[in-house]
Amino acid sequence: MSTSLTSYPRLAAFVLSEASGQRSRENVPVTRDSTDPIKSGTVLKVSGGKYVPYDGTGDAAGILYNHVEPGTGDVEAVAFVRDCEVNGNALTGLDSDAVADLLALGILVRGSADSLSIHTPAL
């Protein structure tokens, strides 16, 4: 039987850089309604004033920092909601609309299923 220490990716393994201190992060209410955990790196949206996993509808509003255990009801969690740079290949639920929504929040997605990447000119 695996434990949560080995069942989940490392916390915030998707973060390449963030604003000083914890300015990129906020405590947010997350609504659970599943027998599946919500893992660190899941793209979130707001529905009914609470954060839920982004499903391709609505606007992406952040990225979950910590893991949320399965269950129902609301829990407090931490999300990156502004001013950071993330590895899109390590995110769950990312699509091209979410990339644009996150950019509007100051969250720059590097590399993703849409082949976004950093191109450095030759020196």
N, C-alpha and C. Protein backbone atom coordinates (compact mmCIF):
# COMPACT_ATOMS: atom_id res chain seq x y z
N MET A 1 0.85 -1.18 0.00
CA MET A 1 0.00 0.00 0.00
C MET A 1 0.89 1.24 0.00
N SER A 2 0.63 2.15 -0.89
CA SER A 2 1.45 3.36 -0.97
C SER A 2 0.93 4.41 0.00
N THR A 3 1.80 5.29 0.38
CA THR A 3 1.42 6.39 1.26
C THR A 3 1.38 7.67 0.46
N SER A 4 0.80 8.70 1.06
CA SER A 4 0.71 9.97 0.34
C SER A 4 2.09 10.55 0.05
N LEU A 5 3.11 10.12 0.77
CA LEU A 5 4.45 10.62 0.48
C LEU A 5 4.98 10.08 -0.84
N THR A 6 4.52 8.91 -1.24
CA THR A 6 5.01 8.34 -2.49
C THR A 6 3.94 8.33 -3.59
N SER A 7 2.70 8.60 -3.24
CA SER A 7 1.61 8.55 -4.22
C SER A 7 1.47 9.82 -5.03
N TYR A 8 1.99 10.91 -4.54
CA TYR A 8 1.79 12.20 -5.18
C TYR A 8 3.12 12.75 -5.69
N PRO A 9 3.05 13.64 -6.69
CA PRO A 9 4.29 14.31 -7.10
C PRO A 9 4.77 15.23 -5.97
N ARG A 10 6.02 15.59 -6.01
CA ARG A 10 6.57 16.51 -5.02
C ARG A 10 5.79 17.81 -5.08
N LEU A 11 5.52 18.41 -3.92
CA LEU A 11 4.77 19.67 -3.88
C LEU A 11 5.43 20.73 -4.72
N ALA A 12 4.64 21.39 -5.53
CA ALA A 12 5.07 22.52 -6.34
C ALA A 12 6.26 22.20 -7.24
N ALA A 13 6.40 20.94 -7.65
CA ALA A 13 7.50 20.56 -8.54
C ALA A 13 7.39 21.28 -9.88
N PHE A 14 6.24 21.84 -10.17
CA PHE A 14 5.98 22.52 -11.44
C PHE A 14 6.46 23.97 -11.44
N VAL A 15 6.81 24.53 -10.30
CA VAL A 15 7.18 25.94 -10.20
C VAL A 15 8.62 26.16 -10.63
N LEU A 16 8.81 27.05 -11.61
CA LEU A 16 10.15 27.41 -12.05
C LEU A 16 10.65 28.63 -11.30
N SER A 17 9.74 29.59 -11.05
CA SER A 17 10.08 30.77 -10.24
C SER A 17 8.78 31.39 -9.75
N GLU A 18 8.88 32.15 -8.67
CA GLU A 18 7.71 32.85 -8.15
C GLU A 18 8.14 34.18 -7.56
N ALA A 19 7.16 35.03 -7.27
CA ALA A 19 7.43 36.35 -6.72
C ALA A 19 8.02 36.22 -5.32
N SER A 20 8.70 37.27 -4.87
CA SER A 20 9.33 37.28 -3.55
C SER A 20 8.34 36.92 -2.45
N GLY A 21 8.88 36.26 -1.43
CA GLY A 21 8.02 35.85 -0.32
C GLY A 21 7.00 34.85 -0.82
N GLN A 22 5.77 35.08 -0.45
CA GLN A 22 4.70 34.19 -0.91
C GLN A 22 3.65 34.99 -1.68
N ARG A 23 4.07 36.04 -2.36
CA ARG A 23 3.14 36.92 -3.07
C ARG A 23 2.41 36.21 -4.21
N SER A 24 2.98 35.14 -4.74
CA SER A 24 2.34 34.39 -5.82
C SER A 24 1.19 33.52 -5.33
N ARG A 25 1.14 33.28 -4.01
CA ARG A 25 0.21 32.29 -3.44
C ARG A 25 -0.91 32.94 -2.64
N GLU A 26 -2.03 32.22 -2.57
CA GLU A 26 -3.16 32.62 -1.72
C GLU A 26 -3.75 31.37 -1.08
N ASN A 27 -4.33 31.54 0.10
CA ASN A 27 -5.17 30.49 0.69
C ASN A 27 -6.51 30.57 -0.02
N VAL A 28 -6.99 29.42 -0.49
CA VAL A 28 -8.24 29.40 -1.26
C VAL A 28 -9.12 28.25 -0.79
N PRO A 29 -10.45 28.42 -0.88
CA PRO A 29 -11.35 27.30 -0.59
C PRO A 29 -11.45 26.41 -1.82
N VAL A 30 -11.26 25.11 -1.63
CA VAL A 30 -11.37 24.15 -2.73
C VAL A 30 -12.53 23.22 -2.43
N THR A 31 -13.40 23.04 -3.41
CA THR A 31 -14.52 22.13 -3.26
C THR A 31 -14.13 20.76 -3.80
N ARG A 32 -14.28 19.76 -2.93
CA ARG A 32 -14.02 18.37 -3.34
C ARG A 32 -15.35 17.69 -3.60
N ASP A 33 -15.40 16.86 -4.62
CA ASP A 33 -16.61 16.08 -4.87
C ASP A 33 -16.24 14.78 -5.57
N SER A 34 -15.18 14.17 -5.11
CA SER A 34 -14.65 13.02 -5.82
C SER A 34 -13.98 12.04 -4.87
N THR A 35 -13.86 10.83 -5.33
CA THR A 35 -13.09 9.83 -4.58
C THR A 35 -11.62 9.89 -4.97
N ASP A 36 -11.28 10.78 -5.91
CA ASP A 36 -9.89 10.94 -6.35
C ASP A 36 -9.27 12.16 -5.67
N PRO A 37 -7.99 12.09 -5.32
CA PRO A 37 -7.32 13.27 -4.78
C PRO A 37 -7.14 14.32 -5.87
N ILE A 38 -6.95 15.56 -5.44
CA ILE A 38 -6.57 16.63 -6.37
C ILE A 38 -5.09 16.87 -6.10
N LYS A 39 -4.26 16.63 -7.08
CA LYS A 39 -2.82 16.67 -6.88
C LYS A 39 -2.22 18.06 -7.10
N SER A 40 -1.11 18.28 -6.44
CA SER A 40 -0.33 19.50 -6.64
C SER A 40 -0.06 19.66 -8.13
N GLY A 41 -0.28 20.87 -8.65
CA GLY A 41 -0.07 21.13 -10.07
C GLY A 41 -1.34 21.06 -10.89
N THR A 42 -2.49 20.86 -10.23
CA THR A 42 -3.76 20.84 -10.94
C THR A 42 -4.21 22.27 -11.24
N VAL A 43 -4.55 22.53 -12.48
CA VAL A 43 -5.08 23.85 -12.87
C VAL A 43 -6.48 23.97 -12.26
N LEU A 44 -6.76 25.16 -11.69
CA LEU A 44 -8.04 25.40 -11.01
C LEU A 44 -8.83 26.48 -11.71
N LYS A 45 -10.14 26.45 -11.50
CA LYS A 45 -11.04 27.53 -11.91
C LYS A 45 -11.92 27.85 -10.72
N VAL A 46 -12.67 28.94 -10.80
CA VAL A 46 -13.59 29.31 -9.73
C VAL A 46 -15.01 28.97 -10.18
N SER A 47 -15.73 28.29 -9.31
CA SER A 47 -17.12 27.93 -9.56
C SER A 47 -17.89 28.13 -8.26
N GLY A 48 -18.89 29.00 -8.31
CA GLY A 48 -19.67 29.27 -7.10
C GLY A 48 -18.84 29.86 -5.97
N GLY A 49 -17.81 30.63 -6.32
CA GLY A 49 -16.98 31.27 -5.30
C GLY A 49 -15.92 30.36 -4.70
N LYS A 50 -15.84 29.11 -5.16
CA LYS A 50 -14.85 28.15 -4.65
C LYS A 50 -14.00 27.67 -5.81
N TYR A 51 -12.80 27.22 -5.50
CA TYR A 51 -11.90 26.69 -6.53
C TYR A 51 -12.19 25.21 -6.74
N VAL A 52 -12.19 24.81 -8.00
CA VAL A 52 -12.39 23.41 -8.40
C VAL A 52 -11.42 23.13 -9.55
N PRO A 53 -11.14 21.85 -9.83
CA PRO A 53 -10.26 21.54 -10.96
C PRO A 53 -10.82 22.10 -12.27
N TYR A 54 -9.96 22.70 -13.05
CA TYR A 54 -10.32 23.24 -14.37
C TYR A 54 -10.64 22.07 -15.30
N ASP A 55 -11.73 22.20 -16.04
CA ASP A 55 -12.17 21.12 -16.92
C ASP A 55 -12.34 21.56 -18.37
N GLY A 56 -11.69 22.65 -18.73
CA GLY A 56 -11.80 23.14 -20.09
C GLY A 56 -12.94 24.13 -20.30
N THR A 57 -13.74 24.34 -19.26
CA THR A 57 -14.81 25.33 -19.33
C THR A 57 -14.52 26.42 -18.32
N GLY A 58 -15.02 27.61 -18.56
CA GLY A 58 -14.75 28.72 -17.66
C GLY A 58 -13.33 29.21 -17.82
N ASP A 59 -12.88 29.99 -16.86
CA ASP A 59 -11.53 30.56 -16.91
C ASP A 59 -10.64 29.91 -15.87
N ALA A 60 -9.44 29.51 -16.27
CA ALA A 60 -8.45 29.02 -15.31
C ALA A 60 -8.10 30.16 -14.37
N ALA A 61 -8.01 29.87 -13.08
CA ALA A 61 -7.81 30.92 -12.09
C ALA A 61 -6.62 30.68 -11.16
N GLY A 62 -5.87 29.62 -11.38
CA GLY A 62 -4.72 29.35 -10.54
C GLY A 62 -4.28 27.92 -10.68
N ILE A 63 -3.28 27.56 -9.86
CA ILE A 63 -2.71 26.21 -9.87
C ILE A 63 -2.55 25.77 -8.43
N LEU A 64 -3.04 24.57 -8.12
CA LEU A 64 -3.00 24.04 -6.76
C LEU A 64 -1.56 23.79 -6.31
N TYR A 65 -1.20 24.30 -5.14
CA TYR A 65 0.12 24.08 -4.57
C TYR A 65 0.19 22.74 -3.84
N ASN A 66 -0.73 22.53 -2.91
CA ASN A 66 -0.70 21.33 -2.08
C ASN A 66 -1.68 20.28 -2.61
N HIS A 67 -1.53 19.05 -2.14
CA HIS A 67 -2.45 17.98 -2.50
C HIS A 67 -3.72 18.13 -1.66
N VAL A 68 -4.86 17.76 -2.24
CA VAL A 68 -6.13 17.75 -1.51
C VAL A 68 -6.63 16.31 -1.51
N GLU A 69 -6.83 15.78 -0.33
CA GLU A 69 -7.27 14.39 -0.18
C GLU A 69 -8.68 14.21 -0.72
N PRO A 70 -9.02 13.00 -1.15
CA PRO A 70 -10.38 12.74 -1.66
C PRO A 70 -11.44 13.00 -0.61
N GLY A 71 -12.62 13.30 -1.05
CA GLY A 71 -13.73 13.52 -0.14
C GLY A 71 -14.74 14.45 -0.76
N THR A 72 -15.66 14.90 0.06
CA THR A 72 -16.65 15.86 -0.39
C THR A 72 -16.60 17.07 0.51
N GLY A 73 -17.10 18.18 0.03
CA GLY A 73 -17.12 19.41 0.81
C GLY A 73 -15.91 20.28 0.53
N ASP A 74 -15.84 21.37 1.25
CA ASP A 74 -14.80 22.38 1.05
C ASP A 74 -13.64 22.19 2.02
N VAL A 75 -12.43 22.46 1.54
CA VAL A 75 -11.23 22.47 2.36
C VAL A 75 -10.41 23.70 1.99
N GLU A 76 -9.59 24.14 2.91
CA GLU A 76 -8.65 25.23 2.62
C GLU A 76 -7.42 24.65 1.95
N ALA A 77 -6.93 25.33 0.94
CA ALA A 77 -5.73 24.90 0.23
C ALA A 77 -4.94 26.14 -0.14
N VAL A 78 -3.81 25.93 -0.79
CA VAL A 78 -2.97 27.02 -1.26
C VAL A 78 -2.87 26.89 -2.78
N ALA A 79 -3.00 28.03 -3.46
CA ALA A 79 -2.90 28.04 -4.92
C ALA A 79 -1.99 29.17 -5.37
N PHE A 80 -1.31 28.95 -6.48
CA PHE A 80 -0.56 30.00 -7.16
C PHE A 80 -1.58 30.74 -8.01
N VAL A 81 -1.77 32.02 -7.73
CA VAL A 81 -2.81 32.79 -8.43
C VAL A 81 -2.26 34.01 -9.16
N ARG A 82 -0.94 34.25 -9.10
CA ARG A 82 -0.35 35.40 -9.78
C ARG A 82 1.17 35.28 -9.81
N ASP A 83 1.76 36.00 -10.73
CA ASP A 83 3.20 36.27 -10.77
C ASP A 83 4.11 35.09 -10.48
N CYS A 84 4.06 34.10 -11.37
CA CYS A 84 5.02 33.00 -11.27
C CYS A 84 5.23 32.40 -12.66
N GLU A 85 6.23 31.55 -12.74
CA GLU A 85 6.57 30.87 -13.99
C GLU A 85 6.52 29.37 -13.69
N VAL A 86 5.81 28.61 -14.52
CA VAL A 86 5.59 27.19 -14.24
C VAL A 86 5.92 26.32 -15.45
N ASN A 87 6.19 25.06 -15.17
CA ASN A 87 6.46 24.07 -16.20
C ASN A 87 5.12 23.45 -16.61
N GLY A 88 4.65 23.78 -17.80
CA GLY A 88 3.37 23.28 -18.27
C GLY A 88 3.31 21.78 -18.40
N ASN A 89 4.46 21.12 -18.62
CA ASN A 89 4.48 19.67 -18.75
C ASN A 89 4.18 18.98 -17.43
N ALA A 90 4.27 19.69 -16.32
CA ALA A 90 4.03 19.10 -15.01
C ALA A 90 2.65 19.45 -14.46
N LEU A 91 1.80 20.13 -15.26
CA LEU A 91 0.48 20.53 -14.79
C LEU A 91 -0.59 19.54 -15.23
N THR A 92 -1.65 19.46 -14.44
CA THR A 92 -2.80 18.62 -14.75
C THR A 92 -3.95 19.51 -15.19
N GLY A 93 -4.57 19.19 -16.33
CA GLY A 93 -5.74 19.92 -16.79
C GLY A 93 -5.42 21.11 -17.67
N LEU A 94 -4.19 21.22 -18.13
CA LEU A 94 -3.79 22.38 -18.93
C LEU A 94 -4.24 22.23 -20.38
N ASP A 95 -4.80 23.30 -20.93
CA ASP A 95 -5.08 23.37 -22.36
C ASP A 95 -4.71 24.78 -22.83
N SER A 96 -4.85 25.06 -24.12
CA SER A 96 -4.42 26.36 -24.64
C SER A 96 -5.24 27.51 -24.06
N ASP A 97 -6.52 27.30 -23.78
CA ASP A 97 -7.32 28.36 -23.15
C ASP A 97 -6.82 28.64 -21.74
N ALA A 98 -6.47 27.60 -21.00
CA ALA A 98 -5.94 27.78 -19.65
C ALA A 98 -4.62 28.53 -19.68
N VAL A 99 -3.78 28.23 -20.67
CA VAL A 99 -2.49 28.94 -20.80
C VAL A 99 -2.75 30.44 -20.92
N ALA A 100 -3.71 30.83 -21.76
CA ALA A 100 -4.04 32.25 -21.95
C ALA A 100 -4.64 32.85 -20.68
N ASP A 101 -5.52 32.11 -20.00
CA ASP A 101 -6.13 32.60 -18.76
C ASP A 101 -5.06 32.83 -17.69
N LEU A 102 -4.14 31.88 -17.56
CA LEU A 102 -3.09 32.00 -16.55
C LEU A 102 -2.15 33.15 -16.86
N LEU A 103 -1.84 33.34 -18.14
CA LEU A 103 -0.98 34.46 -18.53
C LEU A 103 -1.60 35.79 -18.12
N ALA A 104 -2.92 35.91 -18.23
CA ALA A 104 -3.61 37.14 -17.82
C ALA A 104 -3.45 37.40 -16.32
N LEU A 105 -3.16 36.35 -15.55
CA LEU A 105 -2.95 36.48 -14.10
C LEU A 105 -1.47 36.71 -13.77
N GLY A 106 -0.63 36.68 -14.79
CA GLY A 106 0.81 36.82 -14.56
C GLY A 106 1.48 35.49 -14.33
N ILE A 107 0.79 34.39 -14.65
CA ILE A 107 1.37 33.05 -14.53
C ILE A 107 1.83 32.63 -15.92
N LEU A 108 3.14 32.58 -16.11
CA LEU A 108 3.72 32.25 -17.40
C LEU A 108 3.96 30.75 -17.47
N VAL A 109 3.35 30.09 -18.44
CA VAL A 109 3.49 28.65 -18.62
C VAL A 109 4.60 28.39 -19.64
N ARG A 110 5.62 27.65 -19.22
CA ARG A 110 6.73 27.29 -20.11
C ARG A 110 6.60 25.82 -20.46
N GLY A 111 6.59 25.50 -21.74
CA GLY A 111 6.48 24.11 -22.16
C GLY A 111 5.13 23.54 -21.78
N SER A 112 4.45 22.91 -22.72
CA SER A 112 3.15 22.33 -22.44
C SER A 112 2.78 21.38 -23.55
N ALA A 113 1.64 20.79 -23.43
CA ALA A 113 1.13 19.89 -24.47
C ALA A 113 0.98 20.64 -25.79
N ASP A 114 0.86 21.95 -25.74
CA ASP A 114 0.73 22.76 -26.94
C ASP A 114 2.08 23.17 -27.51
N SER A 115 3.15 22.56 -27.01
CA SER A 115 4.51 22.79 -27.48
C SER A 115 5.01 24.21 -27.25
N LEU A 116 4.53 24.85 -26.21
CA LEU A 116 5.11 26.13 -25.84
C LEU A 116 6.47 25.85 -25.24
N SER A 117 7.44 26.65 -25.56
CA SER A 117 8.77 26.43 -25.00
C SER A 117 9.55 27.73 -25.00
N ILE A 118 10.66 27.69 -24.33
CA ILE A 118 11.55 28.84 -24.27
C ILE A 118 12.51 28.73 -25.45
N HIS A 119 12.59 29.76 -26.24
CA HIS A 119 13.53 29.79 -27.36
C HIS A 119 14.58 30.86 -27.09
N THR A 120 15.79 30.42 -26.88
CA THR A 120 16.88 31.34 -26.61
C THR A 120 17.68 31.53 -27.89
N PRO A 121 17.82 32.77 -28.32
CA PRO A 121 18.60 32.99 -29.55
C PRO A 121 20.07 32.62 -29.33
N ALA A 122 20.72 32.25 -30.42
CA ALA A 122 22.15 31.93 -30.35
C ALA A 122 22.93 33.17 -29.94
N LEU A 123 23.94 32.97 -29.15
CA LEU A 123 24.77 34.09 -28.69
C LEU A 123 25.94 34.30 -29.60
